Amino acid sequence: MGALERIIAGALLAAVVALAPAQAQEVLRPTHLGFDAPFGCLNPRERRALIEGGTVLRLVAVMQMVHTKMPGILVRARLCRRPDGFTYVLTLLAYDGKVTRVAVDAVKGTLIGER
């Protein structure tokens, strides 16, 4: 994907987020992807420690698995706690302009949920 296409995709994403009603944004919260909000997402230091310790997969490995099923541009990635482990919550911008939020098990690399 060229630089111009990335700029256009970024502008399209910004427009979608700005124009989306508050109710639609609420639906995309992590609680709807199979884990509860009180567990929360990790800060960069915690993330780095888990990745370097081999507890969770690296984001690049998870993206390679996800990209085969859902091609697009990674807009945001978070590593969050769940009751039974850790989850990557990925926001993807598909090449057709559709924004998708995906939850992936950070240990196994399996898809947990999609919205």
N, C-alpha and C. Protein backbone atom coordinates (compact mmCIF):
# COMPACT_ATOMS: atom_id res chain seq x y z
N MET A 1 0.85 -1.16 0.00
CA MET A 1 0.00 0.00 0.00
C MET A 1 0.90 1.22 0.00
N GLY A 2 0.62 2.16 -0.89
CA GLY A 2 1.43 3.35 -1.02
C GLY A 2 1.13 4.39 0.03
N ALA A 3 1.96 5.43 0.05
CA ALA A 3 1.81 6.49 1.05
C ALA A 3 0.48 7.21 0.88
N LEU A 4 0.08 7.47 -0.36
CA LEU A 4 -1.18 8.16 -0.60
C LEU A 4 -2.36 7.33 -0.11
N GLU A 5 -2.32 6.04 -0.34
CA GLU A 5 -3.41 5.17 0.12
C GLU A 5 -3.47 5.14 1.64
N ARG A 6 -2.34 5.17 2.31
CA ARG A 6 -2.32 5.18 3.78
C ARG A 6 -2.89 6.49 4.31
N ILE A 7 -2.57 7.58 3.67
CA ILE A 7 -3.10 8.88 4.09
C ILE A 7 -4.62 8.89 3.94
N ILE A 8 -5.09 8.39 2.81
CA ILE A 8 -6.52 8.34 2.56
C ILE A 8 -7.20 7.43 3.57
N ALA A 9 -6.61 6.28 3.84
CA ALA A 9 -7.19 5.34 4.81
C ALA A 9 -7.24 5.98 6.20
N GLY A 10 -6.20 6.69 6.59
CA GLY A 10 -6.19 7.36 7.89
C GLY A 10 -7.24 8.45 7.98
N ALA A 11 -7.40 9.21 6.90
CA ALA A 11 -8.43 10.26 6.88
C ALA A 11 -9.82 9.65 6.93
N LEU A 12 -10.00 8.54 6.25
CA LEU A 12 -11.29 7.85 6.26
C LEU A 12 -11.60 7.33 7.66
N LEU A 13 -10.62 6.78 8.32
CA LEU A 13 -10.82 6.29 9.68
C LEU A 13 -11.18 7.43 10.62
N ALA A 14 -10.49 8.55 10.51
CA ALA A 14 -10.79 9.70 11.36
C ALA A 14 -12.22 10.19 11.13
N ALA A 15 -12.65 10.19 9.88
CA ALA A 15 -14.01 10.62 9.56
C ALA A 15 -15.04 9.66 10.14
N VAL A 16 -14.78 8.37 10.04
CA VAL A 16 -15.71 7.36 10.58
C VAL A 16 -15.85 7.52 12.08
N VAL A 17 -14.74 7.68 12.77
CA VAL A 17 -14.77 7.81 14.22
C VAL A 17 -15.46 9.10 14.64
N ALA A 18 -15.19 10.19 13.92
CA ALA A 18 -15.78 11.48 14.27
C ALA A 18 -17.29 11.50 14.03
N LEU A 19 -17.73 10.80 12.99
CA LEU A 19 -19.15 10.84 12.63
C LEU A 19 -19.97 9.76 13.31
N ALA A 20 -19.32 8.79 13.92
CA ALA A 20 -20.05 7.70 14.56
C ALA A 20 -20.78 8.21 15.79
N PRO A 21 -22.06 7.84 15.95
CA PRO A 21 -22.77 8.27 17.15
C PRO A 21 -22.19 7.61 18.39
N ALA A 22 -22.41 8.22 19.54
CA ALA A 22 -21.85 7.71 20.79
C ALA A 22 -22.31 6.29 21.08
N GLN A 23 -23.54 5.95 20.71
CA GLN A 23 -24.04 4.60 20.95
C GLN A 23 -23.24 3.58 20.16
N ALA A 24 -22.90 3.90 18.94
CA ALA A 24 -22.13 2.96 18.10
C ALA A 24 -20.74 2.77 18.68
N GLN A 25 -20.13 3.83 19.20
CA GLN A 25 -18.81 3.69 19.79
C GLN A 25 -18.87 2.86 21.07
N GLU A 26 -19.96 2.97 21.81
CA GLU A 26 -20.13 2.20 23.04
C GLU A 26 -20.15 0.71 22.75
N VAL A 27 -20.74 0.31 21.63
CA VAL A 27 -20.84 -1.11 21.27
C VAL A 27 -19.46 -1.71 21.07
N LEU A 28 -18.47 -0.90 20.69
CA LEU A 28 -17.15 -1.41 20.38
C LEU A 28 -16.24 -1.50 21.60
N ARG A 29 -16.76 -1.30 22.79
CA ARG A 29 -15.93 -1.39 23.99
C ARG A 29 -15.46 -2.83 24.20
N PRO A 30 -14.31 -3.01 24.81
CA PRO A 30 -13.75 -4.36 25.02
C PRO A 30 -14.68 -5.32 25.75
N THR A 31 -15.62 -4.82 26.56
CA THR A 31 -16.50 -5.71 27.29
C THR A 31 -17.35 -6.55 26.35
N HIS A 32 -17.53 -6.09 25.13
CA HIS A 32 -18.32 -6.83 24.16
C HIS A 32 -17.50 -7.85 23.37
N LEU A 33 -16.22 -7.95 23.70
CA LEU A 33 -15.34 -8.87 22.99
C LEU A 33 -14.92 -10.05 23.85
N GLY A 34 -15.63 -10.29 24.94
CA GLY A 34 -15.37 -11.49 25.70
C GLY A 34 -14.57 -11.31 26.98
N PHE A 35 -14.38 -10.07 27.44
CA PHE A 35 -13.75 -9.90 28.73
C PHE A 35 -14.29 -8.65 29.40
N ASP A 36 -14.13 -8.59 30.71
CA ASP A 36 -14.69 -7.51 31.51
C ASP A 36 -13.72 -6.34 31.62
N ALA A 37 -14.26 -5.14 31.65
CA ALA A 37 -13.46 -3.92 31.74
C ALA A 37 -12.59 -3.82 32.99
N PRO A 38 -13.02 -4.31 34.18
CA PRO A 38 -12.18 -4.13 35.36
C PRO A 38 -10.78 -4.73 35.24
N PHE A 39 -10.58 -5.66 34.36
CA PHE A 39 -9.27 -6.26 34.21
C PHE A 39 -8.33 -5.30 33.52
N GLY A 40 -8.81 -4.49 32.61
CA GLY A 40 -8.06 -3.40 32.01
C GLY A 40 -6.93 -3.81 31.09
N CYS A 41 -6.38 -2.79 30.44
CA CYS A 41 -5.29 -2.98 29.50
C CYS A 41 -3.97 -2.58 30.15
N LEU A 42 -2.89 -3.11 29.65
CA LEU A 42 -1.57 -2.93 30.25
C LEU A 42 -0.89 -1.68 29.72
N ASN A 43 -0.01 -1.14 30.53
CA ASN A 43 0.80 -0.01 30.08
C ASN A 43 2.01 -0.55 29.32
N PRO A 44 2.76 0.31 28.64
CA PRO A 44 3.88 -0.16 27.82
C PRO A 44 4.92 -0.98 28.59
N ARG A 45 5.21 -0.61 29.82
CA ARG A 45 6.20 -1.34 30.61
C ARG A 45 5.73 -2.76 30.92
N GLU A 46 4.46 -2.90 31.31
CA GLU A 46 3.90 -4.23 31.60
C GLU A 46 3.87 -5.09 30.33
N ARG A 47 3.47 -4.46 29.23
CA ARG A 47 3.42 -5.16 27.94
C ARG A 47 4.79 -5.70 27.57
N ARG A 48 5.79 -4.84 27.65
CA ARG A 48 7.15 -5.22 27.27
C ARG A 48 7.65 -6.38 28.13
N ALA A 49 7.37 -6.34 29.43
CA ALA A 49 7.83 -7.40 30.33
C ALA A 49 7.19 -8.74 29.97
N LEU A 50 5.91 -8.75 29.65
CA LEU A 50 5.24 -10.00 29.29
C LEU A 50 5.75 -10.55 27.96
N ILE A 51 5.99 -9.67 27.01
CA ILE A 51 6.48 -10.11 25.69
C ILE A 51 7.91 -10.64 25.81
N GLU A 52 8.77 -9.89 26.48
CA GLU A 52 10.16 -10.32 26.62
C GLU A 52 10.29 -11.57 27.47
N GLY A 53 9.38 -11.77 28.41
CA GLY A 53 9.39 -12.96 29.24
C GLY A 53 8.81 -14.18 28.55
N GLY A 54 8.23 -13.99 27.37
CA GLY A 54 7.66 -15.10 26.62
C GLY A 54 6.28 -15.52 27.10
N THR A 55 5.66 -14.72 27.96
CA THR A 55 4.32 -15.04 28.46
C THR A 55 3.27 -14.91 27.38
N VAL A 56 3.42 -13.88 26.55
CA VAL A 56 2.47 -13.64 25.45
C VAL A 56 3.21 -13.57 24.13
N LEU A 57 2.47 -13.76 23.05
CA LEU A 57 3.04 -13.67 21.71
C LEU A 57 3.37 -12.22 21.37
N ARG A 58 4.32 -12.03 20.51
CA ARG A 58 4.61 -10.69 20.00
C ARG A 58 3.49 -10.25 19.07
N LEU A 59 3.26 -8.95 19.02
CA LEU A 59 2.19 -8.40 18.20
C LEU A 59 2.38 -8.77 16.73
N VAL A 60 3.59 -8.78 16.25
CA VAL A 60 3.83 -9.10 14.84
C VAL A 60 3.37 -10.53 14.51
N ALA A 61 3.57 -11.45 15.43
CA ALA A 61 3.11 -12.83 15.20
C ALA A 61 1.59 -12.91 15.18
N VAL A 62 0.95 -12.18 16.08
CA VAL A 62 -0.51 -12.16 16.13
C VAL A 62 -1.06 -11.52 14.85
N MET A 63 -0.43 -10.45 14.40
CA MET A 63 -0.89 -9.77 13.18
C MET A 63 -0.76 -10.66 11.96
N GLN A 64 0.29 -11.48 11.90
CA GLN A 64 0.44 -12.39 10.77
C GLN A 64 -0.70 -13.39 10.73
N MET A 65 -1.13 -13.86 11.90
CA MET A 65 -2.25 -14.80 11.97
C MET A 65 -3.57 -14.11 11.60
N VAL A 66 -3.77 -12.92 12.12
CA VAL A 66 -5.02 -12.19 11.87
C VAL A 66 -5.10 -11.73 10.43
N HIS A 67 -3.98 -11.30 9.88
CA HIS A 67 -3.97 -10.72 8.52
C HIS A 67 -4.42 -11.73 7.46
N THR A 68 -4.22 -13.01 7.70
CA THR A 68 -4.65 -14.01 6.72
C THR A 68 -6.18 -14.09 6.65
N LYS A 69 -6.85 -13.81 7.77
CA LYS A 69 -8.32 -13.85 7.81
C LYS A 69 -8.95 -12.49 7.57
N MET A 70 -8.27 -11.43 8.01
CA MET A 70 -8.80 -10.08 7.93
C MET A 70 -7.73 -9.12 7.44
N PRO A 71 -7.53 -9.02 6.14
CA PRO A 71 -6.50 -8.11 5.65
C PRO A 71 -6.90 -6.66 5.90
N GLY A 72 -5.92 -5.83 6.17
CA GLY A 72 -6.18 -4.42 6.41
C GLY A 72 -5.01 -3.79 7.14
N ILE A 73 -5.24 -2.57 7.60
CA ILE A 73 -4.20 -1.79 8.28
C ILE A 73 -4.49 -1.81 9.78
N LEU A 74 -3.47 -2.07 10.56
CA LEU A 74 -3.60 -2.03 12.01
C LEU A 74 -3.64 -0.57 12.44
N VAL A 75 -4.72 -0.18 13.10
CA VAL A 75 -4.88 1.19 13.55
C VAL A 75 -4.50 1.32 15.02
N ARG A 76 -4.87 0.33 15.81
CA ARG A 76 -4.58 0.37 17.25
C ARG A 76 -4.45 -1.04 17.78
N ALA A 77 -3.55 -1.23 18.73
CA ALA A 77 -3.37 -2.53 19.37
C ALA A 77 -3.19 -2.32 20.86
N ARG A 78 -3.92 -3.09 21.64
CA ARG A 78 -3.79 -3.05 23.09
C ARG A 78 -3.68 -4.47 23.61
N LEU A 79 -2.91 -4.63 24.67
CA LEU A 79 -2.80 -5.92 25.35
C LEU A 79 -3.54 -5.76 26.67
N CYS A 80 -4.59 -6.56 26.87
CA CYS A 80 -5.46 -6.41 28.03
C CYS A 80 -5.54 -7.71 28.83
N ARG A 81 -5.85 -7.56 30.11
CA ARG A 81 -6.05 -8.72 31.00
C ARG A 81 -7.45 -9.26 30.83
N ARG A 82 -7.58 -10.56 30.97
CA ARG A 82 -8.87 -11.25 31.01
C ARG A 82 -8.86 -12.16 32.22
N PRO A 83 -10.03 -12.66 32.60
CA PRO A 83 -10.06 -13.58 33.74
C PRO A 83 -9.19 -14.82 33.51
N ASP A 84 -9.08 -15.26 32.27
CA ASP A 84 -8.33 -16.48 31.98
C ASP A 84 -7.03 -16.24 31.22
N GLY A 85 -6.51 -15.01 31.24
CA GLY A 85 -5.25 -14.75 30.56
C GLY A 85 -5.17 -13.35 29.98
N PHE A 86 -4.53 -13.24 28.83
CA PHE A 86 -4.32 -11.95 28.19
C PHE A 86 -4.89 -11.97 26.78
N THR A 87 -5.32 -10.79 26.31
CA THR A 87 -5.93 -10.64 25.00
C THR A 87 -5.38 -9.41 24.30
N TYR A 88 -5.08 -9.57 23.02
CA TYR A 88 -4.80 -8.40 22.19
C TYR A 88 -6.13 -7.90 21.65
N VAL A 89 -6.40 -6.62 21.80
CA VAL A 89 -7.57 -6.00 21.20
C VAL A 89 -7.04 -5.14 20.06
N LEU A 90 -7.37 -5.55 18.84
CA LEU A 90 -6.84 -4.91 17.64
C LEU A 90 -7.95 -4.16 16.91
N THR A 91 -7.66 -2.95 16.49
CA THR A 91 -8.57 -2.19 15.65
C THR A 91 -7.95 -2.18 14.26
N LEU A 92 -8.71 -2.69 13.30
CA LEU A 92 -8.22 -2.83 11.92
C LEU A 92 -9.07 -1.99 10.97
N LEU A 93 -8.43 -1.41 10.00
CA LEU A 93 -9.11 -0.69 8.93
C LEU A 93 -8.95 -1.53 7.67
N ALA A 94 -10.06 -2.15 7.23
CA ALA A 94 -10.02 -2.99 6.03
C ALA A 94 -9.81 -2.10 4.80
N TYR A 95 -9.38 -2.69 3.73
CA TYR A 95 -9.11 -1.94 2.51
C TYR A 95 -10.39 -1.37 1.90
N ASP A 96 -11.55 -1.90 2.29
CA ASP A 96 -12.82 -1.35 1.80
C ASP A 96 -13.34 -0.23 2.71
N GLY A 97 -12.57 0.14 3.76
CA GLY A 97 -12.95 1.24 4.64
C GLY A 97 -13.68 0.81 5.90
N LYS A 98 -13.95 -0.47 6.06
CA LYS A 98 -14.67 -0.96 7.24
C LYS A 98 -13.71 -1.06 8.42
N VAL A 99 -14.15 -0.54 9.57
CA VAL A 99 -13.35 -0.62 10.79
C VAL A 99 -13.85 -1.82 11.59
N THR A 100 -12.91 -2.66 12.01
CA THR A 100 -13.25 -3.86 12.76
C THR A 100 -12.40 -3.92 14.01
N ARG A 101 -13.01 -4.32 15.11
CA ARG A 101 -12.27 -4.56 16.36
C ARG A 101 -12.25 -6.06 16.59
N VAL A 102 -11.07 -6.59 16.85
CA VAL A 102 -10.87 -8.02 16.98
C VAL A 102 -10.17 -8.29 18.31
N ALA A 103 -10.60 -9.35 19.00
CA ALA A 103 -9.92 -9.80 20.21
C ALA A 103 -9.24 -11.13 19.89
N VAL A 104 -7.95 -11.22 20.23
CA VAL A 104 -7.14 -12.40 19.94
C VAL A 104 -6.47 -12.84 21.24
N ASP A 105 -6.54 -14.13 21.53
CA ASP A 105 -5.86 -14.67 22.71
C ASP A 105 -4.36 -14.42 22.54
N ALA A 106 -3.76 -13.73 23.49
CA ALA A 106 -2.36 -13.31 23.38
C ALA A 106 -1.37 -14.44 23.63
N VAL A 107 -1.84 -15.56 24.16
CA VAL A 107 -0.96 -16.70 24.41
C VAL A 107 -1.01 -17.69 23.26
N LYS A 108 -2.21 -17.99 22.81
CA LYS A 108 -2.41 -19.00 21.76
C LYS A 108 -2.48 -18.42 20.35
N GLY A 109 -2.88 -17.15 20.24
CA GLY A 109 -3.03 -16.53 18.93
C GLY A 109 -4.35 -16.83 18.27
N THR A 110 -5.32 -17.36 19.01
CA THR A 110 -6.62 -17.71 18.44
C THR A 110 -7.59 -16.53 18.55
N LEU A 111 -8.47 -16.43 17.58
CA LEU A 111 -9.48 -15.38 17.53
C LEU A 111 -10.52 -15.62 18.61
N ILE A 112 -10.80 -14.63 19.44
CA ILE A 112 -11.79 -14.74 20.51
C ILE A 112 -13.10 -14.10 20.10
N GLY A 113 -13.02 -12.91 19.51
CA GLY A 113 -14.23 -12.19 19.13
C GLY A 113 -13.95 -11.14 18.08
N GLU A 114 -15.02 -10.70 17.46
CA GLU A 114 -14.92 -9.69 16.40
C GLU A 114 -16.14 -8.81 16.47
N ARG A 115 -15.93 -7.54 16.26
CA ARG A 115 -17.04 -6.60 16.25
C ARG A 115 -16.80 -5.56 15.20
